[in-house]
């Protein structure tokens, strides 16, 4: 559906007014200061948006979403970012579309209704200690016994597993042959006997990541999504949504906003940072790259990409978004100078007058720690090297 400029502006004003009136100040501050979010932060945001039917913006109406066009979704994402809202819980737009396409009627009826409100939290069981970029080499074993599958293995870097009620998990149900042909996609209750979660603290003070140990975990047969040994088809479909979410546009917008503010107000040796020609040129280049990223995402969401190129476009979005986060955060660290180096999540408000940089901002208090943490953006969701190989194989054979 195409919208006129006027109708989109009316839609934008509706979103903007609602967020201005209803978004809790504590969520704004956490987001703007790049502070770690807790489970209740995500739950509060989703339940607030659900009062207007906006908690799953990519879903069609038949499954409880708003049925928005690509243009409306982009406007919504822009206004969320502008309002200082955190990103939506990512797995809603990963396992949700998978169940809509591949799930049985019973799976759809059981799992989709509570998902937008985060009445149940999900996590993703893909990576393993020996299977990250080469995901098809995963070794978590799954066997049929009586009326259940029995799963044994280990997953790692599992975001939010310590909060999760359910995991969507890749397991090996058949050995031999091509690695991709023996994988199945299971839904695992995280409260099952044999599931153990161990948290992995990160350098920015968060603890989103986890190891998950699966020791003879029994999973009913109705936890299988799609067909046995054909889970790779489901996994690839889900990765398209994960990598589109990995376009990192909301993070980049926030970083650019902070960068422009600091470059305009900060001074070094009595000279405004923005008056430095080299720095100004680098900021302009990053702003142009962000605009290109936004336009590319709009094309993918609107379906304005040839089917044979869609996978390439999604890989390019993830690749470019990851690199742009690192570029913008590096520029921000340059502008913050010693203030950035002093920042830890609990270090309070930094000042940098001792080094000649006249800059004080509570919004920089976690910058240094997050700058280090954002090095991972070119690794998770498929490394930069993997994305380049996917693009090269598709285009060059």
Protein backbone atom coordinates (compact mmCIF):
# COMPACT_ATOMS: atom_id res chain seq x y z
CA UNK A 1 0.00 0.00 0.00
CA UNK A 2 1.34 3.40 -0.96
CA UNK A 3 0.63 6.46 1.18
CA UNK A 4 0.55 10.14 0.36
CA UNK A 5 3.01 12.42 2.09
CA UNK A 6 0.13 14.04 3.95
CA UNK A 7 -1.25 10.74 5.26
CA UNK A 8 2.19 9.64 6.42
CA UNK A 9 2.66 12.93 8.26
CA UNK A 10 -0.68 12.44 10.05
CA UNK A 11 0.48 8.93 10.96
CA UNK A 12 3.83 10.29 12.14
CA UNK A 13 2.17 12.88 14.36
CA UNK A 14 -0.01 10.20 15.94
CA UNK A 15 3.06 8.11 16.82
CA UNK A 16 5.04 11.14 18.00
CA UNK A 17 2.26 12.48 20.23
CA UNK A 18 1.66 9.10 21.84
CA UNK A 19 5.35 8.54 22.64
CA UNK A 20 5.79 12.09 23.94
CA UNK A 21 2.91 11.60 26.34
CA UNK A 22 3.36 7.97 27.38
CA UNK A 23 6.98 6.83 27.06
CA UNK A 24 8.46 6.61 30.59
CA UNK A 25 11.31 9.04 31.26
CA UNK A 26 13.49 6.28 32.74
CA UNK A 27 13.39 4.41 29.42
CA UNK A 28 14.37 7.56 27.52
CA UNK A 29 17.31 8.18 29.83
CA UNK A 30 18.56 4.60 29.70
CA UNK A 31 18.40 4.58 25.91
CA UNK A 32 20.06 7.96 25.45
CA UNK A 33 22.85 7.03 27.86
CA UNK A 34 23.34 3.60 26.24
CA UNK A 35 22.74 1.91 29.60
CA UNK A 36 21.83 -1.82 29.80
CA UNK A 37 18.13 -2.62 29.75
CA UNK A 38 16.43 -5.05 32.10
CA UNK A 39 13.64 -7.49 31.30
CA UNK A 40 11.02 -5.16 32.79
CA UNK A 41 12.19 -2.33 30.52
CA UNK A 42 11.38 -4.37 27.43
CA UNK A 43 8.13 -5.65 28.93
CA UNK A 44 7.01 -2.12 29.84
CA UNK A 45 7.74 -0.84 26.33
CA UNK A 46 5.91 -3.68 24.59
CA UNK A 47 2.87 -3.48 26.84
CA UNK A 48 2.71 0.28 26.36
CA UNK A 49 2.80 -0.11 22.57
CA UNK A 50 0.35 -3.00 22.71
CA UNK A 51 -2.33 -0.65 24.04
CA UNK A 52 -2.34 0.75 20.50
CA UNK A 53 -1.67 -2.54 18.70
CA UNK A 54 1.90 -1.47 17.82
CA UNK A 55 4.00 -4.01 19.73
CA UNK A 56 4.69 -6.19 16.67
CA UNK A 57 4.95 -3.60 13.87
CA UNK A 58 6.04 -6.08 11.20
CA UNK A 59 3.16 -8.50 11.73
CA UNK A 60 -0.01 -8.71 9.59
CA UNK A 61 -3.42 -8.07 11.14
CA UNK A 62 -4.43 -11.73 11.04
CA UNK A 63 -1.79 -12.52 13.66
CA UNK A 64 -2.32 -9.51 15.90
CA UNK A 65 -0.08 -6.96 14.20
CA UNK A 66 -1.08 -3.58 12.79
CA UNK A 67 -0.69 -4.66 9.16
CA UNK A 68 1.40 -1.61 8.36
CA UNK A 69 3.01 -0.87 5.04
CA UNK A 70 6.79 -0.62 4.73
CA UNK A 71 6.47 3.17 4.71
CA UNK A 72 4.52 3.16 7.97
CA UNK A 73 6.97 0.77 9.61
CA UNK A 74 9.87 3.05 8.73
CA UNK A 75 8.05 6.09 10.10
CA UNK A 76 7.30 4.16 13.30
CA UNK A 77 10.95 3.14 13.69
CA UNK A 78 12.07 6.74 13.08
CA UNK A 79 9.75 8.10 15.73
CA UNK A 80 10.69 5.43 18.27
CA UNK A 81 14.31 6.44 17.85
CA UNK A 82 13.58 10.16 17.93
CA UNK A 83 11.58 9.74 21.15
CA UNK A 84 14.46 7.96 22.87
CA UNK A 85 12.69 4.60 23.04
CA UNK A 86 14.81 1.45 23.14
CA UNK A 87 14.61 -0.96 20.23
CA UNK A 88 11.83 -3.51 20.41
CA UNK A 89 12.64 -6.95 21.79
CA UNK A 90 14.28 -8.53 18.73
CA UNK A 91 12.93 -12.07 18.87
CA UNK A 92 9.33 -10.95 18.34
CA UNK A 93 10.20 -10.26 14.71
CA UNK A 94 12.24 -13.44 14.38
CA UNK A 95 10.30 -16.39 15.79
CA UNK A 96 6.99 -14.61 15.13
CA UNK A 97 7.30 -14.58 11.31
CA UNK A 98 8.75 -18.10 11.38
CA UNK A 99 5.69 -19.50 13.14
CA UNK A 100 3.39 -17.50 10.87
CA UNK A 101 4.98 -19.19 7.83
CA UNK A 102 6.00 -22.64 9.08
CA UNK A 103 4.06 -23.23 12.31
CA UNK A 104 1.14 -25.62 12.71
CA UNK A 105 -2.28 -24.17 13.56
CA UNK A 106 -1.77 -25.31 17.16
CA UNK A 107 1.67 -23.66 17.36
CA UNK A 108 0.29 -20.40 16.00
CA UNK A 109 -2.63 -20.43 18.43
CA UNK A 110 -0.40 -21.27 21.40
CA UNK A 111 2.60 -19.01 20.85
CA UNK A 112 1.68 -15.99 18.74
CA UNK A 113 -0.97 -14.25 20.92
CA UNK A 114 1.26 -13.72 24.03
CA UNK A 115 4.34 -12.73 22.00
CA UNK A 116 3.81 -8.99 21.26
CA UNK A 117 3.19 -8.17 24.95
CA UNK A 118 6.18 -10.28 26.02
CA UNK A 119 3.96 -12.38 28.21
CA UNK A 120 6.52 -15.02 27.25
CA UNK A 121 10.15 -14.23 26.48
CA UNK A 122 12.06 -16.06 23.75
CA UNK A 123 15.74 -16.70 23.07
CA UNK A 124 17.62 -18.08 20.07
CA UNK A 125 19.57 -21.34 20.29
CA UNK A 126 21.77 -21.21 17.20
CA UNK A 127 25.50 -20.69 17.94
CA UNK A 128 27.59 -23.31 19.71
CA UNK A 129 31.19 -23.32 20.97
CA UNK A 130 32.21 -25.11 17.75
CA UNK A 131 29.58 -23.69 15.41
CA UNK A 132 29.29 -19.94 15.03
CA UNK A 133 29.99 -18.60 11.56
CA UNK A 134 29.88 -22.20 10.31
CA UNK A 135 26.46 -22.77 11.81
CA UNK A 136 25.74 -25.89 9.76
CA UNK A 137 28.43 -27.73 11.73
CA UNK A 138 26.34 -27.59 14.92
CA UNK A 139 26.49 -30.74 17.03
CA UNK A 140 23.66 -30.45 19.59
CA UNK A 141 22.20 -33.94 19.37
CA UNK A 142 18.49 -34.75 19.17
CA UNK A 143 17.13 -38.32 19.30
CA UNK A 144 13.64 -39.81 19.26
CA UNK A 145 12.76 -41.71 22.44
CA UNK A 146 9.25 -42.92 23.13
CA UNK A 147 6.97 -39.88 22.74
CA UNK A 148 9.68 -37.19 22.90
CA UNK A 149 12.77 -35.80 21.33
CA UNK A 150 15.74 -35.88 23.71
CA UNK A 151 18.22 -33.03 23.24
CA UNK A 152 21.81 -32.90 24.51
CA UNK A 153 24.37 -30.21 23.72
CA UNK A 154 25.41 -26.63 24.37
CA UNK A 155 24.50 -23.23 22.94
CA UNK A 156 26.49 -20.05 23.48
CA UNK A 157 26.11 -16.26 23.10
CA UNK A 158 22.40 -16.84 23.71
CA UNK A 159 20.95 -13.37 24.22
CA UNK A 160 18.40 -13.05 27.05
CA UNK A 161 18.36 -16.79 27.84
CA UNK A 162 18.38 -15.93 31.57
CA UNK A 163 14.98 -14.25 31.09
CA UNK A 164 13.56 -16.66 28.54
CA UNK A 165 10.54 -18.90 28.86
CA UNK A 166 11.12 -20.56 25.48
CA UNK A 167 14.00 -21.15 23.08
CA UNK A 168 13.82 -21.69 19.33
CA UNK A 169 16.69 -24.06 18.76
CA UNK A 170 18.60 -25.77 15.96
CA UNK A 171 19.47 -29.41 16.69
CA UNK A 172 20.95 -32.29 14.75
CA UNK A 173 18.45 -35.08 14.14
CA UNK A 174 20.48 -36.97 11.54
CA UNK A 175 24.21 -37.59 11.05
CA UNK A 176 25.91 -38.05 7.70
CA UNK A 177 25.30 -36.40 4.36
CA UNK A 178 25.39 -32.65 3.86
CA UNK A 179 25.47 -30.94 7.28
CA UNK A 180 22.48 -28.72 6.45
CA UNK A 181 20.27 -31.72 5.68
CA UNK A 182 20.28 -33.22 9.17
CA UNK A 183 19.14 -30.16 11.16
CA UNK A 184 15.73 -29.62 12.75
CA UNK A 185 14.09 -26.57 14.34
CA UNK A 186 12.62 -27.15 17.81
CA UNK A 187 10.74 -25.07 20.37
CA UNK A 188 12.14 -25.85 23.84
CA UNK A 189 10.55 -24.93 27.16
CA UNK A 190 13.35 -23.32 29.18
CA UNK A 191 11.78 -24.66 32.40
CA UNK A 192 12.36 -28.25 31.28
CA UNK A 193 14.55 -30.49 33.43
CA UNK A 194 18.07 -30.56 32.05
CA UNK A 195 18.20 -26.93 30.90
CA UNK A 196 20.89 -24.88 32.64
CA UNK A 197 21.79 -21.24 31.90
CA UNK A 198 25.08 -19.55 32.77
CA UNK A 199 25.40 -15.82 32.24
CA UNK A 200 28.31 -14.19 30.39
CA UNK A 201 29.04 -10.62 31.59
CA UNK A 202 30.12 -8.16 28.91
CA UNK A 203 32.48 -5.21 29.02
CA UNK A 204 29.69 -2.62 28.94
CA UNK A 205 28.23 -3.85 32.23
CA UNK A 206 25.38 -5.79 30.62
CA UNK A 207 24.68 -9.50 31.02
CA UNK A 208 22.48 -10.21 28.02
CA UNK A 209 24.62 -13.12 26.81
CA UNK A 210 24.55 -16.65 28.15
CA UNK A 211 25.66 -20.22 27.74
CA UNK A 212 22.84 -22.76 27.68
CA UNK A 213 23.52 -26.39 28.59
CA UNK A 214 21.01 -29.02 27.44
CA UNK A 215 21.32 -32.35 29.24
CA UNK A 216 18.84 -34.99 28.09
CA UNK A 217 16.10 -32.39 27.68
CA UNK A 218 12.79 -33.94 26.67
CA UNK A 219 10.82 -32.05 24.00
CA UNK A 220 7.37 -33.20 22.83
CA UNK A 221 7.09 -34.00 19.14
CA UNK A 222 4.74 -31.06 18.69
CA UNK A 223 7.73 -28.79 19.42
CA UNK A 224 9.04 -29.49 15.91
CA UNK A 225 8.60 -26.60 13.46
CA UNK A 226 8.25 -27.54 9.78
CA UNK A 227 9.72 -30.98 9.01
CA UNK A 228 12.34 -33.14 10.66
CA UNK A 229 15.77 -32.69 9.06
CA UNK A 230 14.54 -29.64 7.14
CA UNK A 231 15.21 -27.05 9.83
CA UNK A 232 17.87 -25.34 7.73
CA UNK A 233 15.09 -23.92 5.54
CA UNK A 234 13.48 -22.42 8.64
CA UNK A 235 16.82 -21.20 10.00
CA UNK A 236 17.65 -19.31 6.79
CA UNK A 237 14.21 -17.72 6.71
CA UNK A 238 14.64 -16.50 10.28
CA UNK A 239 18.14 -15.17 9.57
CA UNK A 240 16.65 -12.83 6.97
CA UNK A 241 14.61 -11.15 9.70
CA UNK A 242 17.53 -11.17 12.15
CA UNK A 243 19.88 -9.53 9.66
CA UNK A 244 17.29 -6.98 8.60
CA UNK A 245 17.01 -6.10 12.30
CA UNK A 246 20.81 -5.99 12.29
CA UNK A 247 20.70 -3.00 9.94
CA UNK A 248 21.33 -1.06 13.19
CA UNK A 249 19.54 2.06 12.00
CA UNK A 250 18.10 3.03 15.40
CA UNK A 251 21.51 2.74 17.07
CA UNK A 252 23.17 4.68 14.26
CA UNK A 253 20.61 7.49 14.45
CA UNK A 254 21.18 7.84 18.18
CA UNK A 255 24.94 7.82 17.74
CA UNK A 256 24.77 10.43 14.98
CA UNK A 257 22.48 12.65 17.06
CA UNK A 258 24.90 12.47 19.98
CA UNK A 259 27.88 13.04 17.68
CA UNK A 260 26.39 16.17 16.10
CA UNK A 261 25.52 17.59 19.50
CA UNK A 262 28.99 17.05 20.92
CA UNK A 263 30.80 18.23 17.80
CA UNK A 264 28.72 21.44 17.86
CA UNK A 265 29.23 22.20 21.56
CA UNK A 266 32.59 20.65 22.40
CA UNK A 267 35.79 22.65 22.14
CA UNK A 268 39.42 21.70 22.04
CA UNK A 269 41.94 24.47 22.60
CA UNK A 270 39.18 27.06 22.28
CA UNK A 271 38.03 25.82 18.85
CA UNK A 272 34.69 24.13 18.24
CA UNK A 273 35.11 20.53 17.16
CA UNK A 274 32.80 20.99 14.18
CA UNK A 275 35.12 23.64 12.79
CA UNK A 276 37.77 20.99 12.17
CA UNK A 277 37.54 20.31 8.42
CA UNK A 278 38.69 16.69 8.59
CA UNK A 279 36.31 15.80 11.42
CA UNK A 280 33.41 17.59 9.77
CA UNK A 281 34.01 15.71 6.50
CA UNK A 282 34.03 12.36 8.36
CA UNK A 283 30.78 13.19 10.14
CA UNK A 284 29.13 14.20 6.85
CA UNK A 285 30.30 10.98 5.24
CA UNK A 286 28.85 8.91 8.09
CA UNK A 287 25.54 10.83 7.87
CA UNK A 288 25.34 10.10 4.13
CA UNK A 289 26.06 6.42 4.76
CA UNK A 290 23.23 6.32 7.29
CA UNK A 291 20.85 7.85 4.76
CA UNK A 292 21.87 5.22 2.21
CA UNK A 293 21.25 2.50 4.79
CA UNK A 294 17.77 3.88 5.51
CA UNK A 295 16.88 3.92 1.82
CA UNK A 296 18.19 0.37 1.34
CA UNK A 297 16.09 -0.87 4.27
CA UNK A 298 13.03 0.87 2.83
CA UNK A 299 13.51 -1.01 -0.46
CA UNK A 300 13.88 -4.37 1.29
CA UNK A 301 10.81 -3.85 3.51
CA UNK A 302 8.73 -2.64 0.57
CA UNK A 303 9.74 -5.63 -1.56
CA UNK A 304 11.33 -3.38 -4.18
CA UNK A 305 14.13 -5.88 -4.64
CA UNK A 306 14.22 -8.71 -7.17
CA UNK A 307 13.66 -12.05 -5.37
CA UNK A 308 17.03 -13.37 -6.49
CA UNK A 309 18.72 -10.33 -4.93
CA UNK A 310 16.83 -10.21 -1.63
CA UNK A 311 19.38 -12.34 0.25
CA UNK A 312 22.19 -10.17 -1.07
CA UNK A 313 20.43 -6.98 0.02
CA UNK A 314 19.83 -8.35 3.52
CA UNK A 315 23.47 -9.38 3.87
CA UNK A 316 24.53 -5.94 2.64
CA UNK A 317 22.24 -4.27 5.19
CA UNK A 318 23.75 -6.26 8.03
CA UNK A 319 27.31 -5.70 6.79
CA UNK A 320 26.91 -1.96 6.25
CA UNK A 321 24.96 -1.41 9.50
CA UNK A 322 27.59 -3.19 11.59
CA UNK A 323 30.42 -1.16 10.10
CA UNK A 324 28.46 2.08 10.47
CA UNK A 325 27.90 1.52 14.20
CA UNK A 326 31.64 1.13 14.62
CA UNK A 327 32.42 4.17 12.46
CA UNK A 328 30.01 6.44 14.34
CA UNK A 329 31.08 5.20 17.77
CA UNK A 330 34.72 5.77 16.83
CA UNK A 331 33.96 9.35 15.77
CA UNK A 332 32.04 9.88 18.99
CA UNK A 333 34.99 8.62 21.01
CA UNK A 334 37.29 11.01 19.13
CA UNK A 335 35.00 13.93 19.97
CA UNK A 336 34.59 12.88 23.60
CA UNK A 337 38.34 12.55 24.02
CA UNK A 338 39.37 11.76 27.62
CA UNK A 339 35.70 11.94 28.66
CA UNK A 340 35.07 8.78 26.68
CA UNK A 341 37.96 6.97 28.32
CA UNK A 342 36.68 7.82 31.80
CA UNK A 343 33.24 6.35 31.22
CA UNK A 344 31.98 3.18 32.77
CA UNK A 345 28.28 2.37 33.26
CA UNK A 346 28.45 3.17 36.98
CA UNK A 347 31.11 5.87 36.91
CA UNK A 348 28.79 8.87 37.12
CA UNK A 349 29.02 11.93 34.97
CA UNK A 350 32.44 12.46 33.39
CA UNK A 351 34.17 15.75 32.81
CA UNK A 352 37.23 16.30 30.68
CA UNK A 353 38.42 19.77 31.52
CA UNK A 354 41.82 18.50 32.66
CA UNK A 355 42.76 17.61 29.09
CA UNK A 356 41.55 20.89 27.59
CA UNK A 357 38.28 19.50 26.22
CA UNK A 358 35.38 21.56 27.53
CA UNK A 359 32.70 18.87 27.54
CA UNK A 360 30.38 17.48 30.19
CA UNK A 361 27.45 15.20 29.45
CA UNK A 362 25.74 12.45 31.43
CA UNK A 363 24.88 10.91 28.06
CA UNK A 364 28.54 9.91 27.71
CA UNK A 365 28.80 8.03 30.98
CA UNK A 366 28.68 4.60 29.30
CA UNK A 367 30.30 5.56 26.00
CA UNK A 368 33.72 4.04 26.61
CA UNK A 369 32.35 0.67 27.71
CA UNK A 370 29.84 0.54 24.87
CA UNK A 371 32.47 1.56 22.32
CA UNK A 372 34.39 -1.58 23.26
CA UNK A 373 31.23 -3.70 23.28
CA UNK A 374 30.21 -2.50 19.80
CA UNK A 375 33.28 -4.24 18.37
CA UNK A 376 31.04 -7.32 18.33
CA UNK A 377 28.61 -5.86 15.77
CA UNK A 378 30.71 -7.21 12.90
CA UNK A 379 30.60 -10.69 14.46
CA UNK A 380 27.09 -11.46 15.68
CA UNK A 381 24.28 -12.36 13.28
CA UNK A 382 26.85 -13.55 10.75
CA UNK A 383 30.36 -12.12 10.64
CA UNK A 384 31.50 -9.52 8.13
CA UNK A 385 33.52 -12.24 6.37
CA UNK A 386 30.45 -14.49 6.11
CA UNK A 387 28.32 -11.68 4.67
CA UNK A 388 30.97 -10.83 2.08
CA UNK A 389 31.22 -14.49 1.06
CA UNK A 390 27.43 -14.76 0.72
CA UNK A 391 27.33 -11.66 -1.47
CA UNK A 392 30.30 -12.79 -3.57
CA UNK A 393 28.90 -16.29 -4.16
CA UNK A 394 25.51 -14.90 -5.16
CA UNK A 395 26.90 -12.30 -7.54
CA UNK A 396 30.03 -14.00 -8.86
CA UNK A 397 29.13 -17.67 -8.60
